[in-house]
Amino acid sequence: MPRKIFTIVAAHPVEVGWHELPRVRVDSFLVEGESLQAAFARVAPFEGVVGATEVFGIECSDVMLSPSTSMRREEGLREWLHWSGLVRRGELDAGWSLLAEGPESFSAREERVFAER
């Protein structure tokens, strides 16, 4: 079976001050594998993936030197939630798949942190 290249992105909350807008850290991985699930299994134990709130993946249609994402290392939480929502609703032409979710959503974490302050 031919091997393929996949882009996997994992999003984590970023600790911010009370006066800052919420942000997420986005880690991107370019992984070879027979399937998206096989590629995810290879990076699932990596530091950038373990404990992620959301992990998405997609097969790369072209050979690239960097992951096929325009996301920066840190995104505004609203921008990430917008993109994540588009993927979840199937509103993007690309074939991104949700691979994993953490125990606490970004919204639940934001509410908890606000209540703790």
C-alpha atoms as a PDB file:
ATOM      1  CA  MET A   1       0.000   0.000   0.000  1.00  0.00           C
ATOM      2  CA  PRO A   2       1.467   3.410  -0.919  1.00  0.00           C
ATOM      3  CA  ARG A   3       2.342   5.705   1.936  1.00  0.00           C
ATOM      4  CA  LYS A   4       0.906   9.209   2.090  1.00  0.00           C
ATOM      5  CA  ILE A   5       1.766  12.509   3.766  1.00  0.00           C
ATOM      6  CA  PHE A   6      -0.605  14.090   6.306  1.00  0.00           C
ATOM      7  CA  THR A   7      -0.765  17.410   8.131  1.00  0.00           C
ATOM      8  CA  ILE A   8      -1.854  17.176  11.751  1.00  0.00           C
ATOM      9  CA  VAL A   9      -2.567  20.276  13.864  1.00  0.00           C
ATOM     10  CA  ALA A  10      -3.082  20.257  17.630  1.00  0.00           C
ATOM     11  CA  ALA A  11      -4.450  23.224  19.582  1.00  0.00           C
ATOM     12  CA  HIS A  12      -3.737  23.968  23.248  1.00  0.00           C
ATOM     13  CA  PRO A  13      -4.946  26.845  25.437  1.00  0.00           C
ATOM     14  CA  VAL A  14      -2.382  29.539  26.283  1.00  0.00           C
ATOM     15  CA  GLU A  15      -2.235  31.080  29.750  1.00  0.00           C
ATOM     16  CA  VAL A  16      -2.949  34.802  29.386  1.00  0.00           C
ATOM     17  CA  GLY A  17      -3.332  37.730  31.742  1.00  0.00           C
ATOM     18  CA  TRP A  18      -6.758  39.027  32.697  1.00  0.00           C
ATOM     19  CA  HIS A  19      -6.351  41.941  30.290  1.00  0.00           C
ATOM     20  CA  GLU A  20      -5.419  39.762  27.265  1.00  0.00           C
ATOM     21  CA  LEU A  21      -7.669  38.086  24.731  1.00  0.00           C
ATOM     22  CA  PRO A  22      -7.737  34.270  24.931  1.00  0.00           C
ATOM     23  CA  ARG A  23      -5.276  32.503  22.608  1.00  0.00           C
ATOM     24  CA  VAL A  24      -4.414  28.969  21.559  1.00  0.00           C
ATOM     25  CA  ARG A  25      -1.034  27.444  20.704  1.00  0.00           C
ATOM     26  CA  VAL A  26      -1.093  25.523  17.433  1.00  0.00           C
ATOM     27  CA  ASP A  27       1.449  22.741  16.855  1.00  0.00           C
ATOM     28  CA  SER A  28       1.705  21.400  13.284  1.00  0.00           C
ATOM     29  CA  PHE A  29       3.148  18.071  12.191  1.00  0.00           C
ATOM     30  CA  LEU A  30       3.885  16.717   8.715  1.00  0.00           C
ATOM     31  CA  VAL A  31       3.651  12.914   9.016  1.00  0.00           C
ATOM     32  CA  GLU A  32       4.024   9.969   6.643  1.00  0.00           C
ATOM     33  CA  GLY A  33       1.651   7.020   7.009  1.00  0.00           C
ATOM     34  CA  GLU A  34      -0.646   4.577   5.267  1.00  0.00           C
ATOM     35  CA  SER A  35      -3.743   6.376   6.570  1.00  0.00           C
ATOM     36  CA  LEU A  36      -4.678   9.450   8.580  1.00  0.00           C
ATOM     37  CA  GLN A  37      -5.271   7.308  11.672  1.00  0.00           C
ATOM     38  CA  ALA A  38      -1.869   5.602  11.256  1.00  0.00           C
ATOM     39  CA  ALA A  39      -0.169   8.993  10.917  1.00  0.00           C
ATOM     40  CA  PHE A  40      -2.005  10.265  14.002  1.00  0.00           C
ATOM     41  CA  ALA A  41      -0.934   7.176  15.962  1.00  0.00           C
ATOM     42  CA  ARG A  42       2.696   8.054  15.212  1.00  0.00           C
ATOM     43  CA  VAL A  43       2.444  11.567  16.708  1.00  0.00           C
ATOM     44  CA  ALA A  44      -0.227  10.976  19.381  1.00  0.00           C
ATOM     45  CA  PRO A  45       2.411  10.525  22.134  1.00  0.00           C
ATOM     46  CA  PHE A  46       4.366  13.660  21.094  1.00  0.00           C
ATOM     47  CA  GLU A  47       4.535  16.616  23.476  1.00  0.00           C
ATOM     48  CA  GLY A  48       2.685  18.888  21.048  1.00  0.00           C
ATOM     49  CA  VAL A  49      -0.244  16.455  20.789  1.00  0.00           C
ATOM     50  CA  VAL A  50      -0.611  14.996  24.293  1.00  0.00           C
ATOM     51  CA  GLY A  51      -3.144  17.010  26.238  1.00  0.00           C
ATOM     52  CA  ALA A  52      -4.344  18.979  23.210  1.00  0.00           C
ATOM     53  CA  THR A  53      -7.876  20.322  23.366  1.00  0.00           C
ATOM     54  CA  GLU A  54      -8.483  19.595  19.666  1.00  0.00           C
ATOM     55  CA  VAL A  55      -6.487  17.697  17.043  1.00  0.00           C
ATOM     56  CA  PHE A  56      -7.329  17.780  13.322  1.00  0.00           C
ATOM     57  CA  GLY A  57      -5.689  16.118  10.333  1.00  0.00           C
ATOM     58  CA  ILE A  58      -5.807  16.098   6.549  1.00  0.00           C
ATOM     59  CA  GLU A  59      -4.062  14.258   3.721  1.00  0.00           C
ATOM     60  CA  CYS A  60      -1.715  16.491   1.743  1.00  0.00           C
ATOM     61  CA  SER A  61      -2.522  16.513  -1.959  1.00  0.00           C
ATOM     62  CA  ASP A  62       0.876  17.944  -2.924  1.00  0.00           C
ATOM     63  CA  VAL A  63       4.419  17.526  -1.667  1.00  0.00           C
ATOM     64  CA  MET A  64       5.187  20.416   0.674  1.00  0.00           C
ATOM     65  CA  LEU A  65       8.108  21.568   2.747  1.00  0.00           C
ATOM     66  CA  SER A  66       5.849  22.761   5.556  1.00  0.00           C
ATOM     67  CA  PRO A  67       2.432  21.724   6.863  1.00  0.00           C
ATOM     68  CA  SER A  68      -0.555  22.738   4.737  1.00  0.00           C
ATOM     69  CA  THR A  69      -1.915  25.240   7.214  1.00  0.00           C
ATOM     70  CA  SER A  70      -1.776  28.991   7.344  1.00  0.00           C
ATOM     71  CA  MET A  71      -2.148  28.956  11.101  1.00  0.00           C
ATOM     72  CA  ARG A  72       0.453  30.743  13.134  1.00  0.00           C
ATOM     73  CA  ARG A  73       2.116  29.336  16.228  1.00  0.00           C
ATOM     74  CA  GLU A  74      -0.493  31.180  18.315  1.00  0.00           C
ATOM     75  CA  GLU A  75      -3.975  32.004  17.137  1.00  0.00           C
ATOM     76  CA  GLY A  76      -6.663  34.097  18.742  1.00  0.00           C
ATOM     77  CA  LEU A  77      -9.164  31.770  20.401  1.00  0.00           C
ATOM     78  CA  ARG A  78     -12.042  33.232  18.364  1.00  0.00           C
ATOM     79  CA  GLU A  79     -10.180  32.613  15.084  1.00  0.00           C
ATOM     80  CA  TRP A  80      -9.432  29.014  16.100  1.00  0.00           C
ATOM     81  CA  LEU A  81     -13.033  28.366  17.180  1.00  0.00           C
ATOM     82  CA  HIS A  82     -14.273  29.811  13.873  1.00  0.00           C
ATOM     83  CA  TRP A  83     -11.965  27.518  11.853  1.00  0.00           C
ATOM     84  CA  SER A  84     -12.728  24.513  14.066  1.00  0.00           C
ATOM     85  CA  GLY A  85     -16.450  25.157  13.683  1.00  0.00           C
ATOM     86  CA  LEU A  86     -16.158  25.288   9.886  1.00  0.00           C
ATOM     87  CA  VAL A  87     -14.379  21.917   9.936  1.00  0.00           C
ATOM     88  CA  ARG A  88     -16.906  20.346  12.319  1.00  0.00           C
ATOM     89  CA  ARG A  89     -19.849  21.533  10.181  1.00  0.00           C
ATOM     90  CA  GLY A  90     -18.197  20.332   6.954  1.00  0.00           C
ATOM     91  CA  GLU A  91     -18.164  23.845   5.483  1.00  0.00           C
ATOM     92  CA  LEU A  92     -14.583  23.670   4.164  1.00  0.00           C
ATOM     93  CA  ASP A  93     -13.739  22.173   0.791  1.00  0.00           C
ATOM     94  CA  ALA A  94     -10.695  20.473   2.305  1.00  0.00           C
ATOM     95  CA  GLY A  95     -11.054  17.110   4.031  1.00  0.00           C
ATOM     96  CA  TRP A  96      -9.936  17.946   7.582  1.00  0.00           C
ATOM     97  CA  SER A  97     -10.891  15.297  10.167  1.00  0.00           C
ATOM     98  CA  LEU A  98     -11.236  15.651  13.930  1.00  0.00           C
ATOM     99  CA  LEU A  99      -8.783  13.143  15.421  1.00  0.00           C
ATOM    100  CA  ALA A 100      -8.982  13.808  19.164  1.00  0.00           C
ATOM    101  CA  GLU A 101     -10.494  16.075  21.796  1.00  0.00           C
ATOM    102  CA  GLY A 102      -9.273  16.803  25.295  1.00  0.00           C
ATOM    103  CA  PRO A 103     -11.397  16.434  28.422  1.00  0.00           C
ATOM    104  CA  GLU A 104     -12.191  20.175  28.579  1.00  0.00           C
ATOM    105  CA  SER A 105     -13.315  22.270  25.605  1.00  0.00           C
ATOM    106  CA  PHE A 106     -11.884  25.735  24.994  1.00  0.00           C
ATOM    107  CA  SER A 107     -15.233  27.281  25.977  1.00  0.00           C
ATOM    108  CA  ALA A 108     -15.453  25.293  29.223  1.00  0.00           C
ATOM    109  CA  ARG A 109     -11.863  26.208  30.082  1.00  0.00           C
ATOM    110  CA  GLU A 110     -12.502  29.890  29.352  1.00  0.00           C
ATOM    111  CA  GLU A 111     -15.538  29.869  31.655  1.00  0.00           C
ATOM    112  CA  ARG A 112     -13.609  28.030  34.401  1.00  0.00           C
ATOM    113  CA  VAL A 113     -10.634  30.411  34.245  1.00  0.00           C
ATOM    114  CA  PHE A 114     -12.976  33.422  34.309  1.00  0.00           C
ATOM    115  CA  ALA A 115     -14.778  32.031  37.370  1.00  0.00           C
ATOM    116  CA  GLU A 116     -11.447  31.388  39.135  1.00  0.00           C
ATOM    117  CA  ARG A 117     -10.341  35.007  38.667  1.00  0.00           C
END
